[in-house]
Amino acid sequence: MSYEGYKEGRHKSKGGLIRSFVKLEGNQIEDIAFSGDFFLFPETAIEQIAQSLKGANATSDSVLFAVRSVYESEGITAPGTAPEDFTTSIMQAVES
């Protein structure tokens, strides 16, 4: 996948590096993708996090709320990686 037109953020959590690729439309997240060396269980959780963020306001509070909601609804286990870590990575991208 080409990330042309996307902004990139990086955050090193205790569980690994989180790279966020964010495409904005105004102050909303139009598209988002992740890579890195972190682990989430179930494995489909990263796609659900990305889906929950599409259309969200690109603010720290909105992003954290969306990520936390998926963590809770899906019962995500992520050794060393919390919703706040994803939020930090995403907001670095948004603010770059």
Protein backbone atom coordinates (compact mmCIF):
# COMPACT_ATOMS: atom_id res chain seq x y z
CA MET A 1 0.00 0.00 0.00
CA SER A 2 1.21 3.49 -0.86
CA TYR A 3 0.96 6.04 1.92
CA GLU A 4 1.29 9.08 -0.34
CA GLY A 5 -0.81 11.89 1.13
CA TYR A 6 -0.71 10.31 4.59
CA LYS A 7 0.98 11.75 7.66
CA GLU A 8 3.11 9.42 9.77
CA GLY A 9 3.45 9.16 13.52
CA ARG A 10 5.64 6.84 15.59
CA HIS A 11 5.48 5.87 19.22
CA LYS A 12 7.53 3.26 21.06
CA SER A 13 5.35 1.60 23.68
CA LYS A 14 6.59 -1.01 26.14
CA GLY A 15 5.02 -3.58 23.79
CA GLY A 16 6.69 -2.32 20.61
CA LEU A 17 6.77 0.37 17.96
CA ILE A 18 3.42 1.71 16.69
CA ARG A 19 3.52 3.47 13.32
CA SER A 20 0.36 5.34 12.32
CA PHE A 21 -0.40 6.50 8.80
CA VAL A 22 -3.21 9.06 8.85
CA LYS A 23 -5.02 10.74 5.96
CA LEU A 24 -7.02 13.78 7.02
CA GLU A 25 -10.02 15.49 5.49
CA GLY A 26 -10.19 18.80 7.31
CA ASN A 27 -10.12 17.92 11.01
CA GLN A 28 -11.41 14.37 10.51
CA ILE A 29 -9.59 11.10 9.95
CA GLU A 30 -10.44 9.97 6.42
CA ASP A 31 -8.27 6.85 6.49
CA ILE A 32 -5.76 5.27 8.86
CA ALA A 33 -3.42 2.30 8.87
CA PHE A 34 -0.94 0.87 11.35
CA SER A 35 2.30 -1.06 11.26
CA GLY A 36 4.95 -1.92 13.80
CA ASP A 37 6.14 -4.70 16.04
CA PHE A 38 3.39 -4.66 18.69
CA PHE A 39 0.93 -7.50 19.37
CA LEU A 40 -2.85 -7.33 19.75
CA PHE A 41 -5.21 -10.22 20.42
CA PRO A 42 -7.52 -10.96 18.76
CA GLU A 43 -5.45 -10.33 15.63
CA THR A 44 -8.38 -8.65 13.86
CA ALA A 45 -8.46 -5.95 16.55
CA ILE A 46 -6.12 -3.61 14.66
CA GLU A 47 -8.56 -3.50 11.73
CA GLN A 48 -11.42 -2.76 14.11
CA ILE A 49 -9.43 0.07 15.71
CA ALA A 50 -8.73 1.54 12.27
CA GLN A 51 -12.38 1.23 11.25
CA SER A 52 -13.55 2.94 14.45
CA LEU A 53 -11.29 5.92 13.73
CA LYS A 54 -12.48 6.60 10.18
CA GLY A 55 -14.58 9.75 10.30
CA ALA A 56 -13.52 10.57 13.87
CA ASN A 57 -12.39 14.06 14.81
CA ALA A 58 -8.61 14.27 14.79
CA THR A 59 -8.39 15.34 18.43
CA SER A 60 -6.67 13.51 21.25
CA ASP A 61 -9.92 13.04 23.19
CA SER A 62 -11.86 11.66 20.20
CA VAL A 63 -9.06 9.31 19.18
CA LEU A 64 -8.55 8.00 22.72
CA PHE A 65 -12.31 7.45 23.14
CA ALA A 66 -12.52 5.47 19.87
CA VAL A 67 -9.49 3.29 20.64
CA ARG A 68 -10.59 2.63 24.24
CA SER A 69 -14.07 1.67 23.04
CA VAL A 70 -12.64 -1.02 20.75
CA TYR A 71 -10.28 -2.28 23.48
CA GLU A 72 -13.28 -2.70 25.78
CA SER A 73 -15.82 -4.08 23.29
CA GLU A 74 -13.38 -6.60 21.79
CA GLY A 75 -11.63 -7.56 25.04
CA ILE A 76 -8.27 -6.72 23.50
CA THR A 77 -5.14 -8.11 25.10
CA ALA A 78 -2.09 -6.11 24.10
CA PRO A 79 1.03 -6.78 26.17
CA GLY A 80 2.67 -3.43 26.88
CA THR A 81 0.45 -1.45 24.47
CA ALA A 82 -2.46 0.65 25.74
CA PRO A 83 -5.02 2.91 24.02
CA GLU A 84 -2.92 5.90 25.11
CA ASP A 85 0.02 4.52 23.08
CA PHE A 86 -2.06 4.39 19.91
CA THR A 87 -3.35 7.89 20.63
CA THR A 88 0.19 9.24 20.99
CA SER A 89 1.23 7.72 17.66
CA ILE A 90 -1.88 8.96 15.87
CA MET A 91 -1.64 12.48 17.26
CA GLN A 92 2.03 12.69 16.23
CA ALA A 93 0.86 12.00 12.68
CA VAL A 94 -1.99 14.49 12.87
CA GLU A 95 0.27 17.23 14.23
CA SER A 96 3.18 16.60 11.83
